[in-house]
C-alpha atoms as a PDB file:
ATOM      1  CA  MET A   1      20.375  -8.247  10.657  1.00  0.00           C
ATOM      2  CA  GLU A   2      18.856  -7.119   7.325  1.00  0.00           C
ATOM      3  CA  GLY A   3      15.912  -9.220   6.224  1.00  0.00           C
ATOM      4  CA  SER A   4      15.467 -11.030   9.523  1.00  0.00           C
ATOM      5  CA  PRO A   5      12.038 -11.305  11.194  1.00  0.00           C
ATOM      6  CA  GLU A   6      13.400  -9.216  14.070  1.00  0.00           C
ATOM      7  CA  ASN A   7      14.212  -6.330  11.748  1.00  0.00           C
ATOM      8  CA  PRO A   8      11.120  -4.155  11.200  1.00  0.00           C
ATOM      9  CA  ARG A   9      12.740  -2.729   8.048  1.00  0.00           C
ATOM     10  CA  ASN A  10      12.026  -6.115   6.452  1.00  0.00           C
ATOM     11  CA  ALA A  11       8.377  -5.039   6.178  1.00  0.00           C
ATOM     12  CA  LEU A  12       9.374  -2.103   3.977  1.00  0.00           C
ATOM     13  CA  PHE A  13      10.329  -4.330   1.100  1.00  0.00           C
ATOM     14  CA  PRO A  14       7.541  -5.693  -1.117  1.00  0.00           C
ATOM     15  CA  ARG A  15       8.103  -9.430  -0.665  1.00  0.00           C
ATOM     16  CA  GLY A  16       9.001  -8.917   2.990  1.00  0.00           C
ATOM     17  CA  LYS A  17       5.465  -7.717   3.627  1.00  0.00           C
ATOM     18  CA  ILE A  18       4.057 -11.155   2.834  1.00  0.00           C
ATOM     19  CA  THR A  19       6.624 -12.710   5.146  1.00  0.00           C
ATOM     20  CA  ARG A  20       5.609 -10.358   7.961  1.00  0.00           C
ATOM     21  CA  VAL A  21       1.904 -11.139   7.500  1.00  0.00           C
ATOM     22  CA  GLU A  22       2.622 -14.874   7.484  1.00  0.00           C
ATOM     23  CA  GLU A  23       4.746 -14.553  10.637  1.00  0.00           C
ATOM     24  CA  TRP A  24       2.040 -12.562  12.391  1.00  0.00           C
ATOM     25  CA  LEU A  25      -0.601 -15.112  11.411  1.00  0.00           C
ATOM     26  CA  ALA A  26       1.624 -17.974  12.575  1.00  0.00           C
ATOM     27  CA  GLY A  27       1.709 -16.318  15.977  1.00  0.00           C
ATOM     28  CA  GLN A  28      -2.092 -16.546  15.923  1.00  0.00           C
ATOM     29  CA  ASP A  29      -1.969 -20.222  14.822  1.00  0.00           C
ATOM     30  CA  ARG A  30      -3.441 -19.210  11.449  1.00  0.00           C
ATOM     31  CA  ILE A  31      -2.341 -19.202   7.817  1.00  0.00           C
ATOM     32  CA  LEU A  32      -3.571 -17.096   4.896  1.00  0.00           C
ATOM     33  CA  ALA A  33      -5.065 -20.174   3.244  1.00  0.00           C
ATOM     34  CA  SER A  34      -7.433 -20.607   6.205  1.00  0.00           C
ATOM     35  CA  PHE A  35      -9.411 -17.540   5.096  1.00  0.00           C
ATOM     36  CA  THR A  36     -12.040 -17.773   2.354  1.00  0.00           C
ATOM     37  CA  ALA A  37     -11.686 -14.095   1.456  1.00  0.00           C
ATOM     38  CA  ILE A  38      -8.991 -11.511   2.118  1.00  0.00           C
ATOM     39  CA  TRP A  39      -9.120  -7.824   1.137  1.00  0.00           C
ATOM     40  CA  PHE A  40      -6.060  -5.646   0.846  1.00  0.00           C
ATOM     41  CA  TYR A  41      -6.086  -1.942   0.049  1.00  0.00           C
ATOM     42  CA  SER A  42      -3.088  -0.020  -1.233  1.00  0.00           C
ATOM     43  CA  ASP A  43      -2.033   3.051  -3.144  1.00  0.00           C
ATOM     44  CA  SER A  44       1.473   1.871  -4.026  1.00  0.00           C
ATOM     45  CA  GLN A  45       3.202  -0.442  -6.467  1.00  0.00           C
ATOM     46  CA  ASN A  46       5.323  -1.507  -3.485  1.00  0.00           C
ATOM     47  CA  ASP A  47       2.348  -3.545  -2.289  1.00  0.00           C
ATOM     48  CA  LEU A  48       1.880  -5.521  -5.502  1.00  0.00           C
ATOM     49  CA  PRO A  49       2.990  -8.811  -3.905  1.00  0.00           C
ATOM     50  CA  LEU A  50       0.292  -8.478  -1.219  1.00  0.00           C
ATOM     51  CA  LEU A  51      -2.321  -7.346  -3.716  1.00  0.00           C
ATOM     52  CA  GLU A  52      -1.518 -10.395  -5.857  1.00  0.00           C
ATOM     53  CA  TYR A  53      -1.710 -12.673  -2.824  1.00  0.00           C
ATOM     54  CA  VAL A  54      -5.225 -11.780  -1.626  1.00  0.00           C
ATOM     55  CA  THR A  55      -8.629 -12.639  -3.059  1.00  0.00           C
ATOM     56  CA  HIS A  56      -9.871  -9.026  -3.218  1.00  0.00           C
ATOM     57  CA  PRO A  57      -7.161  -6.501  -4.145  1.00  0.00           C
ATOM     58  CA  VAL A  58      -8.261  -2.862  -4.118  1.00  0.00           C
ATOM     59  CA  ALA A  59      -6.165   0.017  -5.450  1.00  0.00           C
ATOM     60  CA  VAL A  60      -6.945   3.239  -3.571  1.00  0.00           C
ATOM     61  CA  ASP A  61      -5.849   6.426  -5.317  1.00  0.00           C
ATOM     62  CA  PRO A  62      -3.059   4.314  -6.818  1.00  0.00           C
ATOM     63  CA  ASP A  63       0.269   5.495  -8.138  1.00  0.00           C
ATOM     64  CA  GLU A  64       0.704   5.305 -11.899  1.00  0.00           C
ATOM     65  CA  VAL A  65       2.249   1.817 -11.940  1.00  0.00           C
ATOM     66  CA  LEU A  66      -0.340   0.314  -9.604  1.00  0.00           C
ATOM     67  CA  ARG A  67      -3.172   1.922 -11.574  1.00  0.00           C
ATOM     68  CA  GLY A  68      -1.896   0.301 -14.765  1.00  0.00           C
ATOM     69  CA  VAL A  69      -1.664  -3.118 -13.136  1.00  0.00           C
ATOM     70  CA  ALA A  70      -5.098  -2.748 -11.508  1.00  0.00           C
ATOM     71  CA  VAL A  71      -6.733  -1.793 -14.805  1.00  0.00           C
ATOM     72  CA  LYS A  72      -5.019  -4.638 -16.657  1.00  0.00           C
ATOM     73  CA  ARG A  73      -6.063  -7.210 -14.033  1.00  0.00           C
ATOM     74  CA  GLY A  74      -9.552  -5.875 -13.462  1.00  0.00           C
ATOM     75  CA  TRP A  75      -8.982  -4.961  -9.814  1.00  0.00           C
ATOM     76  CA  GLN A  76     -11.267  -2.507  -8.094  1.00  0.00           C
ATOM     77  CA  ILE A  77      -9.960   1.074  -8.074  1.00  0.00           C
ATOM     78  CA  VAL A  78     -11.250   3.476  -5.416  1.00  0.00           C
ATOM     79  CA  SER A  79     -10.698   7.207  -5.084  1.00  0.00           C
ATOM     80  CA  LEU A  80     -11.012   8.970  -1.741  1.00  0.00           C
ATOM     81  CA  GLU A  81     -10.546  12.422  -3.262  1.00  0.00           C
END
């Protein structure tokens, strides 16, 4: 079923990624709020929901949209090239 926790394709959609992380943490008896600091690294605008959710978002060789958001919000930008 589309969008269900059993469907791995759910993780391909931006908001679904947060759901998958929360489900994985629940299986560990943890929640995101139990961490004082969380880093997330991405190169894609598709990960904006996760980048917005963590305390330390890092854009790595970001696509054009993500670069614009990262600059506007003062997020760290890293290049591996």
